[in-house]
Amino acid sequence: MTNRNCFPNQQVIAWALLTVWTIALCSTQETTGNDDKMPEVSIENGQKIAFLGDYATTENHDGYPFQVIRGLEANGINASLLLIAGAGSSDQMLAKLNQSVLVKQPDWLIINCGASAAWAQRSADQYQRDINQMVEKAQAAGTKVMLTTANPAGEDPDTHYGRAIAAYNERLRELAKEKKYRLADVDMASAITAAGGGHDSHRGNVLTTDGVFLNTLGTQIMTLDILKTLGLNPAQLQKAQDSWLDLTNFCSAKASLTIRQYMQLDALAAKQHRSAQELLGEMTAKALSAQSKDKPELPPNRNSTK
């Protein structure tokens, strides 16, 4: 399984950003197609949630579809997962909708499309038309639909692909307002800026591993937005987030070792019939636990009233 990188020098920023993000989610209503608060959504045990995504939607178990299911489980809601990842651009996703999704009769359909459409040079008009047809077909089949704003196609918004994603997201917001579609408006552009990334940043990618695939922090931000839009209340959102913190094999960090140190680590791991990476992870976890069981101290919350 491919882990989403989470480098040590990002930890305090990650904690701060997730905290502020959760506070913001808990203080605002879910994004819908009108200005009135929609009735609270009831997610029931046994419901099937289908995730239809392009190549930015991963099949790995640390991806946002699996995190959504885990977040629901943490709140006593057991839903089954139907994942159609790597479905291509918006027109390709539309073509696969009936045979890959609706034939399995999901209760919910969550659609995420952006990077692949941008790479395929789909215009904003074409993208909007494709998305609208997907929603209409799913609703006609009795499936509830949630749209999510498109993930980045590179974390710098001032590129051709970055501008395409921004245009797609504006069309999604227009559709949500006009058609009263349910939309999880995941403002990744603002989150990237808050984490110190974006245009002219020297920090590299902060919410993705390569500009497209979400890392640990990006996955949690997107998952929280989806759960909020599904109807989870603030206490439930916090419970979901807390349930992720101690999951193993979800975050990897680079370690700077000499060749001698690596050979020592590898020899010790071989004696235990384990991989060097597994042993290093265990040693790091024990060292951190011995030092402190507290969360990293966060910078002052700029939204605080104190």
Foldseek 3Di string as FASTA:
>chain_A
DDAFADAPVLQQLLVQLVVLLLVVLQVDAFDWQAPDHDPFFDQAAAAEEEEAEAQLQDPDCLFQQNLLQLLCVLVVHHYHYHYDYNQAALQSSLVCPVVRPPVVPGQEYEYEHALRNLVVVPALVNNLVSVVSSCVVCVVSNHAYEYEQYAFNALALPDSSNVRSVSNRVSVNVCRNVVGHGYLYQPVNVSQVSSQHYPPGPPGGDQAPHRRHGHNSVSLSSNLSVNSSSRDHSVSSVSSVVVPPPDPPHYDYDDDDDPVVQVVLQVVQVVVVHHSRVVVVVVVVVVVVVVDPDRPDHDDNPPDPD
